[in-house]
Amino acid sequence: MAMTLQLIFVLSTLFSITESSDVFRLIGSSVELDIQHPVPKSDELIWVFNRAKNVLKYYPEVKKTRLFSGYEGRVEFNEETYSLTLKNLQKTDSGLYEAKASGDEVRVVTEYILSVLDPVEAPVLTHQLSRDTCNITLTCRGHDLSVSSSCYKETCEEKEVTSPGGDALSLSVSGSTIVCNHSNPVSWKKDVLEMRELKQLCAAEGEGSVSPSAGVSVCLLKTVLYSIMLILMLSAVITVHVRERLTKSS
């Protein structure tokens, strides 16, 4: 019975496919890498970085671990679960981590691709008013990314752009707020603009301009006033002239 269970275990590990898992962490933080496939308690286990540099080796028979150079004070190992914890992560810790079990043969039982990233920079949201009333161009900038959108009154286009490195920059509307968001898999920062500010810009532009209908009304009013003044002047001249003739005839 024991040999049957051992045979089933060996076959399952031989035909299992170990897929690498992507893990993202912020620089200076920690990460715990768990075992993805079961390991017999009698097998030795070794964690390897980038298939070339040994991190830690565990000897189950004597329950001892060997920590390799460069990881002193930064590594914790769980003898029950075989998980590996890396502390105070730096950019140089980014790469492939494998756990290998060795009994009758050496098998890869875990793979992780770790990416250690800096926090994103704070983005900057700016606006520019065009010649058309209430037509406003918004620009969101973050690091080496930029995205622009147009707003008419309270209606804005939502835009997003991403970089090959995983950074994302987006312009979106959340309630009464326009949000410029800069993010990566481990951090995000934003800059905001309230809709009421767009309303104020739109109102200010409207007060500073004169519509064609208003221009026609003013011109028409001036014409009517000039006509009335001319009529009054002619009436006065005619009245004076008639009075003079009446006076002479009498």
Protein backbone atom coordinates (compact mmCIF):
# COMPACT_ATOMS: atom_id res chain seq x y z
CA MET A 1 0.00 0.00 0.00
CA ALA A 2 2.80 2.42 0.87
CA MET A 3 4.62 1.63 -2.38
CA THR A 4 1.39 2.27 -4.32
CA LEU A 5 0.93 5.70 -2.72
CA GLN A 6 4.57 6.57 -3.40
CA LEU A 7 4.19 5.51 -7.04
CA ILE A 8 1.07 7.66 -7.43
CA PHE A 9 2.93 10.63 -5.93
CA VAL A 10 5.93 10.19 -8.25
CA LEU A 11 3.70 9.92 -11.32
CA SER A 12 1.69 13.02 -10.33
CA THR A 13 4.85 15.07 -9.89
CA LEU A 14 6.39 13.83 -13.13
CA PHE A 15 3.35 14.75 -15.22
CA SER A 16 2.43 17.96 -13.39
CA ILE A 17 3.26 21.20 -15.17
CA THR A 18 4.83 23.86 -12.99
CA GLU A 19 3.75 27.25 -14.26
CA SER A 20 5.46 30.40 -13.14
CA SER A 21 3.36 32.91 -11.21
CA ASP A 22 3.92 36.66 -11.57
CA VAL A 23 4.41 38.51 -8.30
CA PHE A 24 4.77 42.30 -7.93
CA ARG A 25 6.08 44.04 -4.83
CA LEU A 26 7.06 47.57 -3.80
CA ILE A 27 10.74 48.27 -3.23
CA GLY A 28 11.64 47.88 0.46
CA SER A 29 8.71 45.52 1.17
CA SER A 30 8.59 41.73 1.73
CA VAL A 31 7.23 38.75 -0.20
CA GLU A 32 6.32 35.20 0.82
CA LEU A 33 6.78 32.51 -1.84
CA ASP A 34 4.76 29.37 -1.14
CA ILE A 35 5.26 25.85 -2.46
CA GLN A 36 2.92 25.13 -5.38
CA HIS A 37 3.22 21.30 -5.44
CA PRO A 38 3.54 18.85 -2.54
CA VAL A 39 7.01 17.74 -1.46
CA PRO A 40 7.74 14.48 0.41
CA LYS A 41 9.07 15.11 3.91
CA SER A 42 12.16 13.06 3.11
CA ASP A 43 13.19 15.20 0.12
CA GLU A 44 15.73 17.94 0.40
CA LEU A 45 14.57 21.35 -0.87
CA ILE A 46 16.54 24.19 -2.38
CA TRP A 47 15.42 27.66 -3.45
CA VAL A 48 17.29 29.02 -6.50
CA PHE A 49 17.36 32.53 -8.00
CA ASN A 50 17.54 32.93 -11.79
CA ARG A 51 18.55 29.25 -12.13
CA ALA A 52 22.10 30.10 -11.10
CA LYS A 53 22.25 31.52 -7.58
CA ASN A 54 21.31 29.40 -4.55
CA VAL A 55 19.27 31.15 -1.88
CA LEU A 56 18.57 28.49 0.77
CA LYS A 57 18.75 24.72 1.17
CA TYR A 58 16.79 22.61 3.67
CA TYR A 59 17.91 19.20 4.99
CA PRO A 60 14.81 17.46 6.45
CA GLU A 61 16.65 14.55 8.07
CA VAL A 62 18.51 16.85 10.45
CA LYS A 63 16.00 19.76 10.20
CA LYS A 64 18.65 22.31 9.32
CA THR A 65 18.84 25.07 6.72
CA ARG A 66 21.81 26.47 4.87
CA LEU A 67 21.62 30.12 3.88
CA PHE A 68 23.82 31.15 0.99
CA SER A 69 25.88 34.33 0.64
CA GLY A 70 23.99 37.56 0.00
CA TYR A 71 20.79 36.62 1.85
CA GLU A 72 21.90 36.82 5.47
CA GLY A 73 19.34 38.66 7.60
CA ARG A 74 16.86 38.98 4.71
CA VAL A 75 15.40 35.48 4.48
CA GLU A 76 12.95 33.44 6.56
CA PHE A 77 12.13 29.78 5.89
CA ASN A 78 9.16 27.80 7.19
CA GLU A 79 10.17 24.20 7.88
CA GLU A 80 6.54 23.03 7.87
CA THR A 81 5.33 24.62 4.63
CA TYR A 82 8.72 25.15 2.92
CA SER A 83 7.73 28.73 2.08
CA LEU A 84 10.43 31.35 1.57
CA THR A 85 10.10 34.96 2.74
CA LEU A 86 12.36 37.67 1.30
CA LYS A 87 12.63 40.97 3.18
CA ASN A 88 13.72 44.51 2.25
CA LEU A 89 13.31 43.86 -1.47
CA GLN A 90 15.51 45.71 -3.94
CA LYS A 91 15.42 46.05 -7.73
CA THR A 92 18.21 43.45 -7.96
CA ASP A 93 15.85 40.88 -6.37
CA SER A 94 13.65 40.89 -9.48
CA GLY A 95 13.80 37.63 -11.40
CA LEU A 96 12.90 33.93 -11.40
CA TYR A 97 12.65 31.98 -8.13
CA GLU A 98 12.45 28.18 -8.22
CA ALA A 99 12.02 25.60 -5.49
CA LYS A 100 13.58 22.22 -6.34
CA ALA A 101 12.94 18.99 -4.44
CA SER A 102 15.54 16.24 -4.62
CA GLY A 103 14.80 12.63 -3.74
CA ASP A 104 15.23 9.94 -6.38
CA GLU A 105 15.45 12.83 -8.84
CA VAL A 106 15.46 16.63 -8.88
CA ARG A 107 12.07 18.20 -9.60
CA VAL A 108 10.97 21.84 -9.89
CA VAL A 109 7.94 22.19 -7.60
CA THR A 110 7.55 25.98 -7.63
CA GLU A 111 8.27 28.91 -9.95
CA TYR A 112 7.73 32.60 -9.33
CA ILE A 113 8.68 35.61 -11.43
CA LEU A 114 9.18 38.48 -8.99
CA SER A 115 9.14 42.13 -10.09
CA VAL A 116 10.26 44.75 -7.55
CA LEU A 117 8.96 48.19 -8.56
CA ASP A 118 9.33 51.81 -7.47
CA PRO A 119 6.21 53.75 -6.43
CA VAL A 120 4.74 55.81 -9.26
CA GLU A 121 5.28 59.55 -9.55
CA ALA A 122 2.41 61.91 -8.79
CA PRO A 123 0.65 62.89 -12.05
CA VAL A 124 -0.23 66.45 -13.12
CA LEU A 125 -3.66 67.38 -14.52
CA THR A 126 -3.88 70.62 -16.56
CA HIS A 127 -6.65 72.26 -18.59
CA GLN A 128 -6.75 74.64 -21.56
CA LEU A 129 -9.74 76.62 -22.82
CA SER A 130 -10.14 76.73 -26.62
CA ARG A 131 -11.76 79.47 -28.71
CA ASP A 132 -15.04 77.58 -28.64
CA THR A 133 -17.06 78.47 -25.57
CA CYS A 134 -16.99 75.71 -22.91
CA ASN A 135 -14.76 73.43 -25.01
CA ILE A 136 -11.88 72.49 -22.66
CA THR A 137 -8.86 70.25 -23.30
CA LEU A 138 -7.57 68.25 -20.32
CA THR A 139 -4.04 66.80 -20.23
CA CYS A 140 -2.82 64.21 -17.72
CA ARG A 141 0.96 63.64 -17.45
CA GLY A 142 2.84 61.10 -15.36
CA HIS A 143 6.53 60.19 -15.77
CA ASP A 144 6.98 59.49 -19.51
CA LEU A 145 3.25 59.01 -20.24
CA SER A 146 0.69 61.58 -21.38
CA VAL A 147 -3.00 61.43 -22.29
CA SER A 148 -5.39 64.18 -23.40
CA SER A 149 -9.16 64.44 -23.42
CA SER A 150 -11.76 67.02 -24.41
CA CYS A 151 -14.64 68.27 -22.28
CA TYR A 152 -17.72 70.20 -23.37
CA LYS A 153 -19.45 71.70 -20.34
CA GLU A 154 -19.80 68.65 -18.02
CA THR A 155 -19.22 65.88 -20.58
CA CYS A 156 -15.64 64.55 -20.79
CA GLU A 157 -14.03 61.77 -22.82
CA GLU A 158 -12.38 59.05 -20.73
CA LYS A 159 -8.92 57.96 -21.94
CA GLU A 160 -6.21 55.50 -20.82
CA VAL A 161 -2.68 54.63 -21.96
CA THR A 162 -0.21 52.00 -20.72
CA SER A 163 3.54 51.51 -21.02
CA PRO A 164 5.45 48.27 -21.69
CA GLY A 165 6.78 48.46 -18.13
CA GLY A 166 3.30 48.15 -16.63
CA ASP A 167 2.59 51.82 -15.82
CA ALA A 168 -0.89 53.08 -16.64
CA LEU A 169 -2.21 56.63 -17.00
CA SER A 170 -5.93 57.35 -17.21
CA LEU A 171 -8.41 60.23 -17.33
CA SER A 172 -11.82 59.37 -15.93
CA VAL A 173 -14.89 60.97 -14.36
CA SER A 174 -16.02 59.91 -10.90
CA GLY A 175 -19.19 61.68 -9.82
CA SER A 176 -18.44 65.41 -9.91
CA THR A 177 -14.65 64.92 -10.10
CA ILE A 178 -12.27 64.47 -13.03
CA VAL A 179 -9.49 62.05 -12.02
CA CYS A 180 -6.00 61.78 -13.51
CA ASN A 181 -4.64 58.46 -12.21
CA HIS A 182 -1.06 57.14 -12.51
CA SER A 183 -0.56 53.53 -11.39
CA ASN A 184 1.55 50.40 -11.61
CA PRO A 185 0.89 46.94 -10.10
CA VAL A 186 2.07 48.05 -6.62
CA SER A 187 1.11 51.74 -6.23
CA TRP A 188 -1.05 54.56 -7.54
CA LYS A 189 -1.35 58.35 -7.24
CA LYS A 190 -3.83 60.86 -8.63
CA ASP A 191 -4.58 64.50 -9.39
CA VAL A 192 -8.17 65.76 -9.51
CA LEU A 193 -10.22 68.62 -10.96
CA GLU A 194 -13.73 69.42 -9.74
CA MET A 195 -16.53 69.84 -12.29
CA ARG A 196 -17.49 73.16 -10.70
CA GLU A 197 -14.15 74.57 -11.87
CA LEU A 198 -15.10 73.73 -15.46
CA LYS A 199 -18.46 75.41 -14.92
CA GLN A 200 -16.71 78.57 -13.69
CA LEU A 201 -14.40 78.59 -16.72
CA CYS A 202 -17.37 78.12 -19.02
CA ALA A 203 -19.34 80.92 -17.32
CA ALA A 204 -16.36 83.30 -17.45
CA GLU A 205 -15.89 82.62 -21.15
CA GLY A 206 -19.59 83.20 -21.77
CA GLU A 207 -19.54 86.60 -20.04
CA GLY A 208 -16.48 87.70 -22.02
CA SER A 209 -18.01 86.99 -25.40
CA VAL A 210 -20.95 88.56 -27.23
CA SER A 211 -23.22 86.30 -29.20
CA PRO A 212 -24.31 87.23 -32.76
CA SER A 213 -27.93 87.65 -31.66
CA ALA A 214 -26.89 90.14 -28.97
CA GLY A 215 -24.84 92.09 -31.55
CA VAL A 216 -27.80 92.38 -33.93
CA SER A 217 -30.06 93.62 -31.13
CA VAL A 218 -27.67 96.44 -30.16
CA CYS A 219 -27.27 97.55 -33.77
CA LEU A 220 -31.02 97.56 -34.29
CA LEU A 221 -31.54 99.59 -31.13
CA LYS A 222 -29.00 102.21 -32.25
CA THR A 223 -30.72 102.51 -35.66
CA VAL A 224 -34.12 103.04 -34.05
CA LEU A 225 -32.74 105.70 -31.68
CA TYR A 226 -31.02 107.60 -34.52
CA SER A 227 -34.24 107.50 -36.55
CA ILE A 228 -36.29 108.89 -33.67
CA MET A 229 -33.77 111.70 -33.11
CA LEU A 230 -33.79 112.58 -36.80
CA ILE A 231 -37.59 112.70 -36.89
CA LEU A 232 -37.70 114.93 -33.82
CA MET A 233 -35.14 117.32 -35.37
CA LEU A 234 -37.07 117.54 -38.65
CA SER A 235 -40.31 118.11 -36.76
CA ALA A 236 -38.73 120.96 -34.83
CA VAL A 237 -37.40 122.62 -38.03
CA ILE A 238 -40.78 122.34 -39.74
CA THR A 239 -42.58 123.73 -36.71
CA VAL A 240 -40.30 126.78 -36.56
CA HIS A 241 -40.67 127.41 -40.29
CA VAL A 242 -44.49 127.25 -40.13
CA ARG A 243 -44.60 129.65 -37.19
CA GLU A 244 -42.45 132.20 -39.08
CA ARG A 245 -44.75 132.13 -42.13
CA LEU A 246 -47.86 132.55 -39.97
CA THR A 247 -46.26 135.50 -38.21
CA LYS A 248 -45.41 137.27 -41.50
CA SER A 249 -48.86 136.74 -42.99
CA SER A 250 -50.59 138.14 -39.93
